[in-house]
Amino acid sequence: MSAQTLLDGLQRRGASFRANGDWLRWRAPVGVMTDADLSAIREHKPKLMAILKERGAEIIQFGAYLSRREAERRARNEQHNGGNAA
């Protein structure tokens, strides 16, 4: 899967992304991001950042989001547990 395909698919499912310096920021409705999605985002981060910077991407607002704290907790847990976290 290409970074563009990943980005397009996640955005269709309600996720939003933006590049903030060296950070990739994202938000998604509860239940949208799977462990596989988070792994793919990490794998494609450099290309995703380039795509977003080219677009001058801003956060696209959607209805329901994970809180930043919850999203970061899930990402840390998955990274710590080798992709086997919930």
PDB file of N, CA and C in Angstrom:
ATOM      1  N   MET A   1       0.846  -1.175   0.000  1.00  0.00           N
ATOM      2  CA  MET A   1       0.000   0.000   0.000  1.00  0.00           C
ATOM      3  C   MET A   1       0.894   1.241   0.000  1.00  0.00           C
ATOM      4  N   SER A   2       0.536   2.191  -0.815  1.00  0.00           N
ATOM      5  CA  SER A   2       1.308   3.436  -0.861  1.00  0.00           C
ATOM      6  C   SER A   2       0.864   4.365   0.265  1.00  0.00           C
ATOM      7  N   ALA A   3       1.699   5.336   0.579  1.00  0.00           N
ATOM      8  CA  ALA A   3       1.362   6.318   1.605  1.00  0.00           C
ATOM      9  C   ALA A   3       0.108   7.096   1.208  1.00  0.00           C
ATOM     10  N   GLN A   4      -0.006   7.426  -0.080  1.00  0.00           N
ATOM     11  CA  GLN A   4      -1.178   8.173  -0.549  1.00  0.00           C
ATOM     12  C   GLN A   4      -2.455   7.350  -0.384  1.00  0.00           C
ATOM     13  N   THR A   5      -2.392   6.062  -0.713  1.00  0.00           N
ATOM     14  CA  THR A   5      -3.553   5.180  -0.561  1.00  0.00           C
ATOM     15  C   THR A   5      -3.943   5.067   0.909  1.00  0.00           C
ATOM     16  N   LEU A   6      -2.950   4.921   1.775  1.00  0.00           N
ATOM     17  CA  LEU A   6      -3.191   4.856   3.214  1.00  0.00           C
ATOM     18  C   LEU A   6      -3.881   6.130   3.693  1.00  0.00           C
ATOM     19  N   LEU A   7      -3.331   7.263   3.333  1.00  0.00           N
ATOM     20  CA  LEU A   7      -3.875   8.552   3.750  1.00  0.00           C
ATOM     21  C   LEU A   7      -5.304   8.729   3.249  1.00  0.00           C
ATOM     22  N   ASP A   8      -5.539   8.451   1.983  1.00  0.00           N
ATOM     23  CA  ASP A   8      -6.874   8.601   1.406  1.00  0.00           C
ATOM     24  C   ASP A   8      -7.886   7.699   2.105  1.00  0.00           C
ATOM     25  N   GLY A   9      -7.497   6.454   2.344  1.00  0.00           N
ATOM     26  CA  GLY A   9      -8.403   5.509   2.994  1.00  0.00           C
ATOM     27  C   GLY A   9      -8.757   5.921   4.409  1.00  0.00           C
ATOM     28  N   LEU A  10      -7.761   6.368   5.165  1.00  0.00           N
ATOM     29  CA  LEU A  10      -8.020   6.785   6.540  1.00  0.00           C
ATOM     30  C   LEU A  10      -8.859   8.061   6.580  1.00  0.00           C
ATOM     31  N   GLN A  11      -8.625   8.968   5.653  1.00  0.00           N
ATOM     32  CA  GLN A  11      -9.425  10.182   5.611  1.00  0.00           C
ATOM     33  C   GLN A  11     -10.876   9.870   5.257  1.00  0.00           C
ATOM     34  N   ARG A  12     -11.102   8.914   4.348  1.00  0.00           N
ATOM     35  CA  ARG A  12     -12.473   8.507   4.021  1.00  0.00           C
ATOM     36  C   ARG A  12     -13.182   7.917   5.240  1.00  0.00           C
ATOM     37  N   ARG A  13     -12.415   7.311   6.145  1.00  0.00           N
ATOM     38  CA  ARG A  13     -12.979   6.717   7.359  1.00  0.00           C
ATOM     39  C   ARG A  13     -13.107   7.735   8.493  1.00  0.00           C
ATOM     40  N   GLY A  14     -12.740   8.986   8.242  1.00  0.00           N
ATOM     41  CA  GLY A  14     -12.947  10.038   9.229  1.00  0.00           C
ATOM     42  C   GLY A  14     -11.718  10.548   9.933  1.00  0.00           C
ATOM     43  N   ALA A  15     -10.547  10.049   9.572  1.00  0.00           N
ATOM     44  CA  ALA A  15      -9.315  10.513  10.199  1.00  0.00           C
ATOM     45  C   ALA A  15      -8.843  11.807   9.541  1.00  0.00           C
ATOM     46  N   SER A  16      -8.146  12.604  10.302  1.00  0.00           N
ATOM     47  CA  SER A  16      -7.542  13.817   9.747  1.00  0.00           C
ATOM     48  C   SER A  16      -6.078  13.852  10.159  1.00  0.00           C
ATOM     49  N   PHE A  17      -5.252  14.456   9.319  1.00  0.00           N
ATOM     50  CA  PHE A  17      -3.815  14.474   9.519  1.00  0.00           C
ATOM     51  C   PHE A  17      -3.267  15.863   9.234  1.00  0.00           C
ATOM     52  N   ARG A  18      -2.146  16.182   9.906  1.00  0.00           N
ATOM     53  CA  ARG A  18      -1.396  17.389   9.562  1.00  0.00           C
ATOM     54  C   ARG A  18       0.057  17.197   9.974  1.00  0.00           C
ATOM     55  N   ALA A  19       0.907  17.864   9.256  1.00  0.00           N
ATOM     56  CA  ALA A  19       2.329  17.877   9.588  1.00  0.00           C
ATOM     57  C   ALA A  19       2.568  19.095  10.468  1.00  0.00           C
ATOM     58  N   ASN A  20       3.292  18.892  11.562  1.00  0.00           N
ATOM     59  CA  ASN A  20       3.612  19.973  12.483  1.00  0.00           C
ATOM     60  C   ASN A  20       5.094  19.843  12.806  1.00  0.00           C
ATOM     61  N   GLY A  21       5.927  20.529  12.026  1.00  0.00           N
ATOM     62  CA  GLY A  21       7.365  20.370  12.174  1.00  0.00           C
ATOM     63  C   GLY A  21       7.747  18.950  11.807  1.00  0.00           C
ATOM     64  N   ASP A  22       8.398  18.252  12.732  1.00  0.00           N
ATOM     65  CA  ASP A  22       8.760  16.851  12.511  1.00  0.00           C
ATOM     66  C   ASP A  22       7.708  15.877  13.044  1.00  0.00           C
ATOM     67  N   TRP A  23       6.598  16.412  13.519  1.00  0.00           N
ATOM     68  CA  TRP A  23       5.549  15.589  14.105  1.00  0.00           C
ATOM     69  C   TRP A  23       4.423  15.365  13.106  1.00  0.00           C
ATOM     70  N   LEU A  24       3.908  14.159  13.087  1.00  0.00           N
ATOM     71  CA  LEU A  24       2.714  13.839  12.311  1.00  0.00           C
ATOM     72  C   LEU A  24       1.557  13.805  13.297  1.00  0.00           C
ATOM     73  N   ARG A  25       0.619  14.713  13.141  1.00  0.00           N
ATOM     74  CA  ARG A  25      -0.531  14.805  14.038  1.00  0.00           C
ATOM     75  C   ARG A  25      -1.742  14.205  13.338  1.00  0.00           C
ATOM     76  N   TRP A  26      -2.529  13.459  14.099  1.00  0.00           N
ATOM     77  CA  TRP A  26      -3.735  12.884  13.523  1.00  0.00           C
ATOM     78  C   TRP A  26      -4.827  12.789  14.561  1.00  0.00           C
ATOM     79  N   ARG A  27      -6.047  12.743  14.054  1.00  0.00           N
ATOM     80  CA  ARG A  27      -7.237  12.547  14.872  1.00  0.00           C
ATOM     81  C   ARG A  27      -8.145  11.615  14.095  1.00  0.00           C
ATOM     82  N   ALA A  28      -8.897  10.821  14.836  1.00  0.00           N
ATOM     83  CA  ALA A  28      -9.821   9.897  14.195  1.00  0.00           C
ATOM     84  C   ALA A  28     -10.967   9.574  15.135  1.00  0.00           C
ATOM     85  N   PRO A  29     -12.143   9.299  14.575  1.00  0.00           N
ATOM     86  CA  PRO A  29     -13.247   8.856  15.423  1.00  0.00           C
ATOM     87  C   PRO A  29     -12.864   7.572  16.167  1.00  0.00           C
ATOM     88  N   VAL A  30     -13.436   7.401  17.319  1.00  0.00           N
ATOM     89  CA  VAL A  30     -13.172   6.213  18.127  1.00  0.00           C
ATOM     90  C   VAL A  30     -13.434   4.967  17.286  1.00  0.00           C
ATOM     91  N   GLY A  31     -12.488   4.038  17.324  1.00  0.00           N
ATOM     92  CA  GLY A  31     -12.638   2.773  16.623  1.00  0.00           C
ATOM     93  C   GLY A  31     -12.168   2.753  15.188  1.00  0.00           C
ATOM     94  N   VAL A  32     -11.798   3.899  14.632  1.00  0.00           N
ATOM     95  CA  VAL A  32     -11.367   3.948  13.228  1.00  0.00           C
ATOM     96  C   VAL A  32      -9.963   3.384  13.058  1.00  0.00           C
ATOM     97  N   MET A  33      -9.052   3.765  13.928  1.00  0.00           N
ATOM     98  CA  MET A  33      -7.656   3.345  13.797  1.00  0.00           C
ATOM     99  C   MET A  33      -7.434   1.956  14.385  1.00  0.00           C
ATOM    100  N   THR A  34      -6.947   1.068  13.559  1.00  0.00           N
ATOM    101  CA  THR A  34      -6.603  -0.273  14.013  1.00  0.00           C
ATOM    102  C   THR A  34      -5.105  -0.329  14.306  1.00  0.00           C
ATOM    103  N   ASP A  35      -4.681  -1.406  14.918  1.00  0.00           N
ATOM    104  CA  ASP A  35      -3.250  -1.594  15.144  1.00  0.00           C
ATOM    105  C   ASP A  35      -2.504  -1.617  13.817  1.00  0.00           C
ATOM    106  N   ALA A  36      -3.102  -2.232  12.806  1.00  0.00           N
ATOM    107  CA  ALA A  36      -2.473  -2.284  11.479  1.00  0.00           C
ATOM    108  C   ALA A  36      -2.348  -0.887  10.889  1.00  0.00           C
ATOM    109  N   ASP A  37      -3.365  -0.041  11.091  1.00  0.00           N
ATOM    110  CA  ASP A  37      -3.304   1.345  10.603  1.00  0.00           C
ATOM    111  C   ASP A  37      -2.159   2.093  11.271  1.00  0.00           C
ATOM    112  N   LEU A  38      -2.033   1.948  12.582  1.00  0.00           N
ATOM    113  CA  LEU A  38      -0.974   2.651  13.306  1.00  0.00           C
ATOM    114  C   LEU A  38       0.405   2.180  12.851  1.00  0.00           C
ATOM    115  N   SER A  39       0.540   0.896  12.600  1.00  0.00           N
ATOM    116  CA  SER A  39       1.812   0.371  12.089  1.00  0.00           C
ATOM    117  C   SER A  39       2.109   0.932  10.705  1.00  0.00           C
ATOM    118  N   ALA A  40       1.091   0.990   9.850  1.00  0.00           N
ATOM    119  CA  ALA A  40       1.268   1.521   8.494  1.00  0.00           C
ATOM    120  C   ALA A  40       1.621   3.003   8.538  1.00  0.00           C
ATOM    121  N   ILE A  41       1.021   3.738   9.453  1.00  0.00           N
ATOM    122  CA  ILE A  41       1.348   5.164   9.591  1.00  0.00           C
ATOM    123  C   ILE A  41       2.813   5.320   9.971  1.00  0.00           C
ATOM    124  N   ARG A  42       3.269   4.526  10.928  1.00  0.00           N
ATOM    125  CA  ARG A  42       4.690   4.602  11.316  1.00  0.00           C
ATOM    126  C   ARG A  42       5.593   4.236  10.139  1.00  0.00           C
ATOM    127  N   GLU A  43       5.227   3.197   9.410  1.00  0.00           N
ATOM    128  CA  GLU A  43       6.029   2.759   8.265  1.00  0.00           C
ATOM    129  C   GLU A  43       6.128   3.832   7.190  1.00  0.00           C
ATOM    130  N   HIS A  44       5.026   4.526   6.948  1.00  0.00           N
ATOM    131  CA  HIS A  44       4.965   5.499   5.850  1.00  0.00           C
ATOM    132  C   HIS A  44       5.120   6.952   6.312  1.00  0.00           C
ATOM    133  N   LYS A  45       5.511   7.153   7.566  1.00  0.00           N
ATOM    134  CA  LYS A  45       5.556   8.511   8.107  1.00  0.00           C
ATOM    135  C   LYS A  45       6.337   9.503   7.233  1.00  0.00           C
ATOM    136  N   PRO A  46       7.541   9.201   6.765  1.00  0.00           N
ATOM    137  CA  PRO A  46       8.255  10.205   5.964  1.00  0.00           C
ATOM    138  C   PRO A  46       7.475  10.645   4.715  1.00  0.00           C
ATOM    139  N   LYS A  47       6.874   9.688   4.012  1.00  0.00           N
ATOM    140  CA  LYS A  47       6.114  10.033   2.810  1.00  0.00           C
ATOM    141  C   LYS A  47       4.817  10.759   3.169  1.00  0.00           C
ATOM    142  N   LEU A  48       4.161  10.323   4.245  1.00  0.00           N
ATOM    143  CA  LEU A  48       2.946  11.020   4.692  1.00  0.00           C
ATOM    144  C   LEU A  48       3.264  12.485   5.016  1.00  0.00           C
ATOM    145  N   MET A  49       4.375  12.685   5.724  1.00  0.00           N
ATOM    146  CA  MET A  49       4.779  14.061   6.060  1.00  0.00           C
ATOM    147  C   MET A  49       4.991  14.884   4.803  1.00  0.00           C
ATOM    148  N   ALA A  50       5.647  14.301   3.811  1.00  0.00           N
ATOM    149  CA  ALA A  50       5.895  15.022   2.559  1.00  0.00           C
ATOM    150  C   ALA A  50       4.584  15.374   1.863  1.00  0.00           C
ATOM    151  N   ILE A  51       3.662  14.429   1.814  1.00  0.00           N
ATOM    152  CA  ILE A  51       2.359  14.682   1.174  1.00  0.00           C
ATOM    153  C   ILE A  51       1.641  15.818   1.890  1.00  0.00           C
ATOM    154  N   LEU A  52       1.602  15.757   3.208  1.00  0.00           N
ATOM    155  CA  LEU A  52       0.889  16.777   3.976  1.00  0.00           C
ATOM    156  C   LEU A  52       1.544  18.143   3.862  1.00  0.00           C
ATOM    157  N   LYS A  53       2.868  18.165   3.876  1.00  0.00           N
ATOM    158  CA  LYS A  53       3.562  19.447   3.737  1.00  0.00           C
ATOM    159  C   LYS A  53       3.323  20.044   2.353  1.00  0.00           C
ATOM    160  N   GLU A  54       3.265  19.183   1.327  1.00  0.00           N
ATOM    161  CA  GLU A  54       2.964  19.667  -0.017  1.00  0.00           C
ATOM    162  C   GLU A  54       1.574  20.285  -0.073  1.00  0.00           C
ATOM    163  N   ARG A  55       0.655  19.686   0.586  1.00  0.00           N
ATOM    164  CA  ARG A  55      -0.735  20.173   0.602  1.00  0.00           C
ATOM    165  C   ARG A  55      -0.905  21.389   1.494  1.00  0.00           C
ATOM    166  N   GLY A  56       0.057  21.598   2.400  1.00  0.00           N
ATOM    167  CA  GLY A  56      -0.143  22.637   3.410  1.00  0.00           C
ATOM    168  C   GLY A  56      -1.323  22.244   4.288  1.00  0.00           C
ATOM    169  N   ALA A  57      -1.395  20.953   4.612  1.00  0.00           N
ATOM    170  CA  ALA A  57      -2.578  20.372   5.246  1.00  0.00           C
ATOM    171  C   ALA A  57      -2.914  21.033   6.570  1.00  0.00           C
ATOM    172  N   GLU A  58      -4.170  21.248   6.748  1.00  0.00           N
ATOM    173  CA  GLU A  58      -4.735  21.707   7.999  1.00  0.00           C
ATOM    174  C   GLU A  58      -5.598  20.581   8.543  1.00  0.00           C
ATOM    175  N   ILE A  59      -5.876  20.611   9.812  1.00  0.00           N
ATOM    176  CA  ILE A  59      -6.754  19.595  10.397  1.00  0.00           C
ATOM    177  C   ILE A  59      -8.146  19.766   9.806  1.00  0.00           C
ATOM    178  N   ILE A  60      -8.682  18.676   9.299  1.00  0.00           N
ATOM    179  CA  ILE A  60     -10.060  18.667   8.810  1.00  0.00           C
ATOM    180  C   ILE A  60     -10.927  18.235   9.979  1.00  0.00           C
ATOM    181  N   GLN A  61     -11.925  19.004  10.259  1.00  0.00           N
ATOM    182  CA  GLN A  61     -12.750  18.716  11.422  1.00  0.00           C
ATOM    183  C   GLN A  61     -13.781  17.639  11.118  1.00  0.00           C
ATOM    184  N   PHE A  62     -13.939  16.722  12.037  1.00  0.00           N
ATOM    185  CA  PHE A  62     -14.938  15.660  11.954  1.00  0.00           C
ATOM    186  C   PHE A  62     -15.678  15.604  13.280  1.00  0.00           C
ATOM    187  N   GLY A  63     -16.706  14.805  13.334  1.00  0.00           N
ATOM    188  CA  GLY A  63     -17.569  14.751  14.505  1.00  0.00           C
ATOM    189  C   GLY A  63     -16.927  14.270  15.790  1.00  0.00           C
ATOM    190  N   ALA A  64     -16.555  13.018  15.887  1.00  0.00           N
ATOM    191  CA  ALA A  64     -16.073  12.447  17.149  1.00  0.00           C
ATOM    192  C   ALA A  64     -14.614  12.053  17.009  1.00  0.00           C
ATOM    193  N   TYR A  65     -13.822  12.346  18.024  1.00  0.00           N
ATOM    194  CA  TYR A  65     -12.394  12.054  17.992  1.00  0.00           C
ATOM    195  C   TYR A  65     -11.962  11.307  19.232  1.00  0.00           C
ATOM    196  N   LEU A  66     -10.859  10.607  19.085  1.00  0.00           N
ATOM    197  CA  LEU A  66     -10.148  10.160  20.275  1.00  0.00           C
ATOM    198  C   LEU A  66      -9.549  11.405  20.896  1.00  0.00           C
ATOM    199  N   SER A  67      -9.485  11.423  22.193  1.00  0.00           N
ATOM    200  CA  SER A  67      -8.769  12.525  22.812  1.00  0.00           C
ATOM    201  C   SER A  67      -7.292  12.370  22.474  1.00  0.00           C
ATOM    202  N   ARG A  68      -6.573  13.452  22.507  1.00  0.00           N
ATOM    203  CA  ARG A  68      -5.139  13.396  22.245  1.00  0.00           C
ATOM    204  C   ARG A  68      -4.473  12.428  23.223  1.00  0.00           C
ATOM    205  N   ARG A  69      -4.874  12.522  24.471  1.00  0.00           N
ATOM    206  CA  ARG A  69      -4.294  11.650  25.500  1.00  0.00           C
ATOM    207  C   ARG A  69      -4.523  10.175  25.152  1.00  0.00           C
ATOM    208  N   GLU A  70      -5.746   9.817  24.734  1.00  0.00           N
ATOM    209  CA  GLU A  70      -6.050   8.432  24.402  1.00  0.00           C
ATOM    210  C   GLU A  70      -5.284   7.972  23.159  1.00  0.00           C
ATOM    211  N   ALA A  71      -5.212   8.818  22.143  1.00  0.00           N
ATOM    212  CA  ALA A  71      -4.478   8.463  20.924  1.00  0.00           C
ATOM    213  C   ALA A  71      -3.004   8.226  21.237  1.00  0.00           C
ATOM    214  N   GLU A  72      -2.416   9.100  22.020  1.00  0.00           N
ATOM    215  CA  GLU A  72      -1.013   8.946  22.379  1.00  0.00           C
ATOM    216  C   GLU A  72      -0.803   7.711  23.254  1.00  0.00           C
ATOM    217  N   ARG A  73      -1.748   7.430  24.152  1.00  0.00           N
ATOM    218  CA  ARG A  73      -1.652   6.239  24.991  1.00  0.00           C
ATOM    219  C   ARG A  73      -1.664   4.985  24.138  1.00  0.00           C
ATOM    220  N   ARG A  74      -2.576   4.933  23.170  1.00  0.00           N
ATOM    221  CA  ARG A  74      -2.651   3.761  22.303  1.00  0.00           C
ATOM    222  C   ARG A  74      -1.380   3.594  21.480  1.00  0.00           C
ATOM    223  N   ALA A  75      -0.871   4.689  20.960  1.00  0.00           N
ATOM    224  CA  ALA A  75       0.350   4.614  20.156  1.00  0.00           C
ATOM    225  C   ALA A  75       1.526   4.136  21.012  1.00  0.00           C
ATOM    226  N   ARG A  76       1.650   4.679  22.231  1.00  0.00           N
ATOM    227  CA  ARG A  76       2.737   4.251  23.125  1.00  0.00           C
ATOM    228  C   ARG A  76       2.600   2.779  23.481  1.00  0.00           C
ATOM    229  N   ASN A  77       1.375   2.348  23.801  1.00  0.00           N
ATOM    230  CA  ASN A  77       1.155   0.952  24.163  1.00  0.00           C
ATOM    231  C   ASN A  77       1.515   0.026  23.003  1.00  0.00           C
ATOM    232  N   GLU A  78       1.095   0.391  21.803  1.00  0.00           N
ATOM    233  CA  GLU A  78       1.404  -0.466  20.659  1.00  0.00           C
ATOM    234  C   GLU A  78       2.903  -0.520  20.419  1.00  0.00           C
ATOM    235  N   GLN A  79       3.563   0.615  20.504  1.00  0.00           N
ATOM    236  CA  GLN A  79       5.004   0.653  20.304  1.00  0.00           C
ATOM    237  C   GLN A  79       5.699  -0.160  21.392  1.00  0.00           C
ATOM    238  N   HIS A  80       5.284  -0.013  22.616  1.00  0.00           N
ATOM    239  CA  HIS A  80       5.897  -0.724  23.744  1.00  0.00           C
ATOM    240  C   HIS A  80       5.674  -2.228  23.652  1.00  0.00           C
ATOM    241  N   ASN A  81       4.500  -2.626  23.182  1.00  0.00           N
ATOM    242  CA  ASN A  81       4.143  -4.052  23.131  1.00  0.00           C
ATOM    243  C   ASN A  81       4.383  -4.673  21.769  1.00  0.00           C
ATOM    244  N   GLY A  82       5.092  -3.998  20.904  1.00  0.00           N
ATOM    245  CA  GLY A  82       5.412  -4.565  19.597  1.00  0.00           C
ATOM    246  C   GLY A  82       4.214  -4.749  18.695  1.00  0.00           C
ATOM    247  N   GLY A  83       3.214  -3.873  18.818  1.00  0.00           N
ATOM    248  CA  GLY A  83       2.051  -3.947  17.953  1.00  0.00           C
ATOM    249  C   GLY A  83       0.950  -4.853  18.467  1.00  0.00           C
ATOM    250  N   ASN A  84       1.058  -5.317  19.709  1.00  0.00           N
ATOM    251  CA  ASN A  84       0.036  -6.209  20.261  1.00  0.00           C
ATOM    252  C   ASN A  84      -0.764  -5.539  21.363  1.00  0.00           C
ATOM    253  N   ALA A  85      -0.946  -4.240  21.293  1.00  0.00           N
ATOM    254  CA  ALA A  85      -1.655  -3.522  22.352  1.00  0.00           C
ATOM    255  C   ALA A  85      -3.083  -3.216  21.934  1.00  0.00           C
ATOM    256  N   ALA A  86      -3.900  -2.974  22.919  1.00  0.00           N
ATOM    257  CA  ALA A  86      -5.293  -2.574  22.656  1.00  0.00           C
ATOM    258  C   ALA A  86      -5.556  -1.259  23.348  1.00  0.00           C
TER     259      ALA A  86
END
